[in-house]
């Protein structure tokens, strides 16, 4: 794939604004080599387990059914609906608010490379990987949630 002149110029002047998604965070490993973050499917399977433990077996069955159909949007909607009243927030926090000291610095090549593209990044991720991967851990990354 060849880059256009305008893209080459934007990259060389750091006049680009990368949009970073879950794939960047999925590249991060613990020091023991284990993946830090679950895939979407893994996250929703864990949500189904959490639903069962919270007495929401019907919602858990719906999540599992939509996962079998590869309809992750519907599975996520039922997971969220079943884990309202603070359970969803604590579930997400448990999955994405990891101990940064337990992470393998060597697995941060991808987010570090993205920081070399620009001093500003837009992310859809809940985790703190971009801040962690920034040189000297001095990045200020904010997350804004928009509910439609």
C-alpha atoms as a PDB file:
ATOM      1  CA  UNK A   1       0.000   0.000   0.000  1.00  0.00           C
ATOM      2  CA  UNK A   2       1.396   3.390  -0.917  1.00  0.00           C
ATOM      3  CA  UNK A   3       0.671   6.580   0.992  1.00  0.00           C
ATOM      4  CA  UNK A   4      -0.537   9.750  -0.669  1.00  0.00           C
ATOM      5  CA  UNK A   5       1.687  12.811  -0.572  1.00  0.00           C
ATOM      6  CA  UNK A   6      -0.766  14.635   1.686  1.00  0.00           C
ATOM      7  CA  UNK A   7      -0.781  11.740   4.173  1.00  0.00           C
ATOM      8  CA  UNK A   8       3.012  11.538   4.126  1.00  0.00           C
ATOM      9  CA  UNK A   9       3.162  15.266   4.814  1.00  0.00           C
ATOM     10  CA  UNK A  10       0.645  15.020   7.670  1.00  0.00           C
ATOM     11  CA  UNK A  11       2.575  12.122   9.213  1.00  0.00           C
ATOM     12  CA  UNK A  12       5.945  13.854   8.990  1.00  0.00           C
ATOM     13  CA  UNK A  13       4.582  17.024  10.621  1.00  0.00           C
ATOM     14  CA  UNK A  14       2.547  15.082  13.225  1.00  0.00           C
ATOM     15  CA  UNK A  15      -0.513  16.800  11.829  1.00  0.00           C
ATOM     16  CA  UNK A  16      -2.668  13.718  12.198  1.00  0.00           C
ATOM     17  CA  UNK A  17      -5.219  12.617  14.774  1.00  0.00           C
ATOM     18  CA  UNK A  18      -5.271   8.826  15.222  1.00  0.00           C
ATOM     19  CA  UNK A  19      -8.480   7.109  16.336  1.00  0.00           C
ATOM     20  CA  UNK A  20      -7.499   4.207  18.571  1.00  0.00           C
ATOM     21  CA  UNK A  21      -9.745   1.259  19.316  1.00  0.00           C
ATOM     22  CA  UNK A  22      -9.632  -1.987  21.245  1.00  0.00           C
ATOM     23  CA  UNK A  23      -6.992  -3.626  19.043  1.00  0.00           C
ATOM     24  CA  UNK A  24      -4.300  -1.447  20.589  1.00  0.00           C
ATOM     25  CA  UNK A  25      -5.221  -2.479  24.122  1.00  0.00           C
ATOM     26  CA  UNK A  26      -5.538  -6.126  23.064  1.00  0.00           C
ATOM     27  CA  UNK A  27      -1.800  -6.097  22.252  1.00  0.00           C
ATOM     28  CA  UNK A  28      -0.881  -5.563  25.923  1.00  0.00           C
ATOM     29  CA  UNK A  29       0.261  -8.511  28.041  1.00  0.00           C
ATOM     30  CA  UNK A  30       0.912  -9.093  31.718  1.00  0.00           C
ATOM     31  CA  UNK A  31       4.500  -9.764  32.755  1.00  0.00           C
ATOM     32  CA  UNK A  32       3.629 -13.477  32.774  1.00  0.00           C
ATOM     33  CA  UNK A  33       2.660 -13.268  29.066  1.00  0.00           C
ATOM     34  CA  UNK A  34      -1.102 -13.574  29.590  1.00  0.00           C
ATOM     35  CA  UNK A  35      -3.435 -11.213  27.712  1.00  0.00           C
ATOM     36  CA  UNK A  36      -4.655  -8.336  29.846  1.00  0.00           C
ATOM     37  CA  UNK A  37      -7.977  -7.545  28.207  1.00  0.00           C
ATOM     38  CA  UNK A  38     -10.718  -9.829  26.936  1.00  0.00           C
ATOM     39  CA  UNK A  39     -12.043  -9.788  23.404  1.00  0.00           C
ATOM     40  CA  UNK A  40     -15.576  -8.476  22.918  1.00  0.00           C
ATOM     41  CA  UNK A  41     -16.826 -12.041  22.927  1.00  0.00           C
ATOM     42  CA  UNK A  42     -14.849 -12.859  26.074  1.00  0.00           C
ATOM     43  CA  UNK A  43     -16.116  -9.730  27.812  1.00  0.00           C
ATOM     44  CA  UNK A  44     -19.720 -10.580  27.000  1.00  0.00           C
ATOM     45  CA  UNK A  45     -19.256 -14.210  28.100  1.00  0.00           C
ATOM     46  CA  UNK A  46     -17.921 -12.877  31.406  1.00  0.00           C
ATOM     47  CA  UNK A  47     -20.943 -10.561  31.579  1.00  0.00           C
ATOM     48  CA  UNK A  48     -23.224 -13.583  31.165  1.00  0.00           C
ATOM     49  CA  UNK A  49     -21.439 -15.274  34.104  1.00  0.00           C
ATOM     50  CA  UNK A  50     -21.835 -12.104  36.165  1.00  0.00           C
ATOM     51  CA  UNK A  51     -25.539 -11.971  35.279  1.00  0.00           C
ATOM     52  CA  UNK A  52     -25.978 -15.526  36.544  1.00  0.00           C
ATOM     53  CA  UNK A  53     -24.209 -14.679  39.790  1.00  0.00           C
ATOM     54  CA  UNK A  54     -26.554 -11.689  40.209  1.00  0.00           C
ATOM     55  CA  UNK A  55     -29.671 -13.840  39.732  1.00  0.00           C
ATOM     56  CA  UNK A  56     -30.309 -12.626  36.176  1.00  0.00           C
ATOM     57  CA  UNK A  57     -30.275 -16.041  34.468  1.00  0.00           C
ATOM     58  CA  UNK A  58     -32.842 -15.039  31.823  1.00  0.00           C
ATOM     59  CA  UNK A  59     -30.673 -12.107  30.708  1.00  0.00           C
ATOM     60  CA  UNK A  60     -27.599 -14.356  30.779  1.00  0.00           C
ATOM     61  CA  UNK A  61     -29.324 -16.808  28.429  1.00  0.00           C
ATOM     62  CA  UNK A  62     -30.176 -13.937  26.071  1.00  0.00           C
ATOM     63  CA  UNK A  63     -26.557 -12.730  26.096  1.00  0.00           C
ATOM     64  CA  UNK A  64     -25.299 -16.244  25.357  1.00  0.00           C
ATOM     65  CA  UNK A  65     -27.895 -16.732  22.607  1.00  0.00           C
ATOM     66  CA  UNK A  66     -26.983 -13.495  20.830  1.00  0.00           C
ATOM     67  CA  UNK A  67     -23.292 -14.379  21.152  1.00  0.00           C
ATOM     68  CA  UNK A  68     -23.973 -17.674  19.355  1.00  0.00           C
ATOM     69  CA  UNK A  69     -25.613 -15.623  16.598  1.00  0.00           C
ATOM     70  CA  UNK A  70     -22.580 -13.265  16.552  1.00  0.00           C
ATOM     71  CA  UNK A  71     -24.889 -10.345  17.361  1.00  0.00           C
ATOM     72  CA  UNK A  72     -22.566  -8.624  19.838  1.00  0.00           C
ATOM     73  CA  UNK A  73     -24.615  -5.433  19.901  1.00  0.00           C
ATOM     74  CA  UNK A  74     -27.738  -7.220  21.130  1.00  0.00           C
ATOM     75  CA  UNK A  75     -25.696  -9.334  23.568  1.00  0.00           C
ATOM     76  CA  UNK A  76     -24.156  -6.151  24.991  1.00  0.00           C
ATOM     77  CA  UNK A  77     -27.567  -4.480  25.302  1.00  0.00           C
ATOM     78  CA  UNK A  78     -28.927  -7.374  27.373  1.00  0.00           C
ATOM     79  CA  UNK A  79     -25.757  -7.552  29.456  1.00  0.00           C
ATOM     80  CA  UNK A  80     -26.009  -3.842  30.207  1.00  0.00           C
ATOM     81  CA  UNK A  81     -29.729  -4.049  30.950  1.00  0.00           C
ATOM     82  CA  UNK A  82     -29.217  -6.967  33.329  1.00  0.00           C
ATOM     83  CA  UNK A  83     -26.321  -5.335  35.149  1.00  0.00           C
ATOM     84  CA  UNK A  84     -27.894  -1.939  35.826  1.00  0.00           C
ATOM     85  CA  UNK A  85     -27.862  -0.284  39.251  1.00  0.00           C
ATOM     86  CA  UNK A  86     -24.086  -0.013  39.460  1.00  0.00           C
ATOM     87  CA  UNK A  87     -23.280  -3.600  38.548  1.00  0.00           C
ATOM     88  CA  UNK A  88     -22.362  -2.706  34.949  1.00  0.00           C
ATOM     89  CA  UNK A  89     -19.987   0.035  36.047  1.00  0.00           C
ATOM     90  CA  UNK A  90     -18.255  -2.199  38.587  1.00  0.00           C
ATOM     91  CA  UNK A  91     -18.064  -5.041  36.044  1.00  0.00           C
ATOM     92  CA  UNK A  92     -16.409  -2.794  33.433  1.00  0.00           C
ATOM     93  CA  UNK A  93     -14.075  -1.301  36.033  1.00  0.00           C
ATOM     94  CA  UNK A  94     -13.036  -4.782  37.162  1.00  0.00           C
ATOM     95  CA  UNK A  95     -12.199  -5.753  33.564  1.00  0.00           C
ATOM     96  CA  UNK A  96     -10.432  -2.579  32.409  1.00  0.00           C
ATOM     97  CA  UNK A  97      -8.942  -0.870  35.476  1.00  0.00           C
ATOM     98  CA  UNK A  98      -5.866  -3.076  35.744  1.00  0.00           C
ATOM     99  CA  UNK A  99      -2.754  -2.688  37.879  1.00  0.00           C
ATOM    100  CA  UNK A 100      -0.405  -0.949  35.448  1.00  0.00           C
ATOM    101  CA  UNK A 101       2.652  -2.149  37.372  1.00  0.00           C
ATOM    102  CA  UNK A 102       1.765  -5.743  36.446  1.00  0.00           C
ATOM    103  CA  UNK A 103       1.974  -5.048  32.701  1.00  0.00           C
ATOM    104  CA  UNK A 104       4.850  -6.026  30.446  1.00  0.00           C
ATOM    105  CA  UNK A 105       6.481  -2.852  29.104  1.00  0.00           C
ATOM    106  CA  UNK A 106       7.735  -4.837  26.095  1.00  0.00           C
ATOM    107  CA  UNK A 107       4.154  -5.391  24.955  1.00  0.00           C
ATOM    108  CA  UNK A 108       3.603  -1.624  24.612  1.00  0.00           C
ATOM    109  CA  UNK A 109       5.239  -1.322  21.172  1.00  0.00           C
ATOM    110  CA  UNK A 110       1.962  -0.636  19.341  1.00  0.00           C
ATOM    111  CA  UNK A 111       0.627   2.163  21.589  1.00  0.00           C
ATOM    112  CA  UNK A 112       4.112   3.696  21.762  1.00  0.00           C
ATOM    113  CA  UNK A 113       4.300   3.696  17.967  1.00  0.00           C
ATOM    114  CA  UNK A 114       0.932   5.467  17.796  1.00  0.00           C
ATOM    115  CA  UNK A 115       2.203   8.201  20.146  1.00  0.00           C
ATOM    116  CA  UNK A 116       5.043   8.772  17.656  1.00  0.00           C
ATOM    117  CA  UNK A 117       2.415   9.700  15.046  1.00  0.00           C
ATOM    118  CA  UNK A 118       0.839  12.510  17.027  1.00  0.00           C
ATOM    119  CA  UNK A 119       0.718  14.221  20.397  1.00  0.00           C
ATOM    120  CA  UNK A 120      -3.062  13.888  20.374  1.00  0.00           C
ATOM    121  CA  UNK A 121      -5.087  10.690  20.103  1.00  0.00           C
ATOM    122  CA  UNK A 122      -8.793   9.963  20.145  1.00  0.00           C
ATOM    123  CA  UNK A 123      -9.726   6.696  21.809  1.00  0.00           C
ATOM    124  CA  UNK A 124     -12.862   4.701  22.369  1.00  0.00           C
ATOM    125  CA  UNK A 125     -11.156   2.556  25.010  1.00  0.00           C
ATOM    126  CA  UNK A 126     -12.057   2.474  28.686  1.00  0.00           C
ATOM    127  CA  UNK A 127      -8.597   1.414  29.833  1.00  0.00           C
ATOM    128  CA  UNK A 128      -5.517   3.513  30.661  1.00  0.00           C
ATOM    129  CA  UNK A 129      -3.117   1.865  28.213  1.00  0.00           C
ATOM    130  CA  UNK A 130      -2.468   4.983  26.141  1.00  0.00           C
ATOM    131  CA  UNK A 131      -1.500   6.972  29.229  1.00  0.00           C
ATOM    132  CA  UNK A 132       0.673   4.105  30.438  1.00  0.00           C
ATOM    133  CA  UNK A 133       2.463   3.755  27.092  1.00  0.00           C
ATOM    134  CA  UNK A 134       3.230   7.463  26.725  1.00  0.00           C
ATOM    135  CA  UNK A 135       6.903   8.270  27.411  1.00  0.00           C
ATOM    136  CA  UNK A 136       7.410   8.788  31.152  1.00  0.00           C
ATOM    137  CA  UNK A 137       3.679   8.064  31.655  1.00  0.00           C
ATOM    138  CA  UNK A 138       2.833  11.778  31.460  1.00  0.00           C
ATOM    139  CA  UNK A 139      -0.020  11.696  28.941  1.00  0.00           C
ATOM    140  CA  UNK A 140      -3.351  13.232  29.816  1.00  0.00           C
ATOM    141  CA  UNK A 141      -6.006  11.063  28.213  1.00  0.00           C
ATOM    142  CA  UNK A 142      -9.642  11.835  28.827  1.00  0.00           C
ATOM    143  CA  UNK A 143     -12.659   9.753  28.009  1.00  0.00           C
ATOM    144  CA  UNK A 144     -15.997  11.262  27.170  1.00  0.00           C
ATOM    145  CA  UNK A 145     -19.011   9.012  27.058  1.00  0.00           C
ATOM    146  CA  UNK A 146     -21.826   9.963  24.762  1.00  0.00           C
ATOM    147  CA  UNK A 147     -25.184   8.278  25.234  1.00  0.00           C
ATOM    148  CA  UNK A 148     -27.472   8.440  22.247  1.00  0.00           C
END
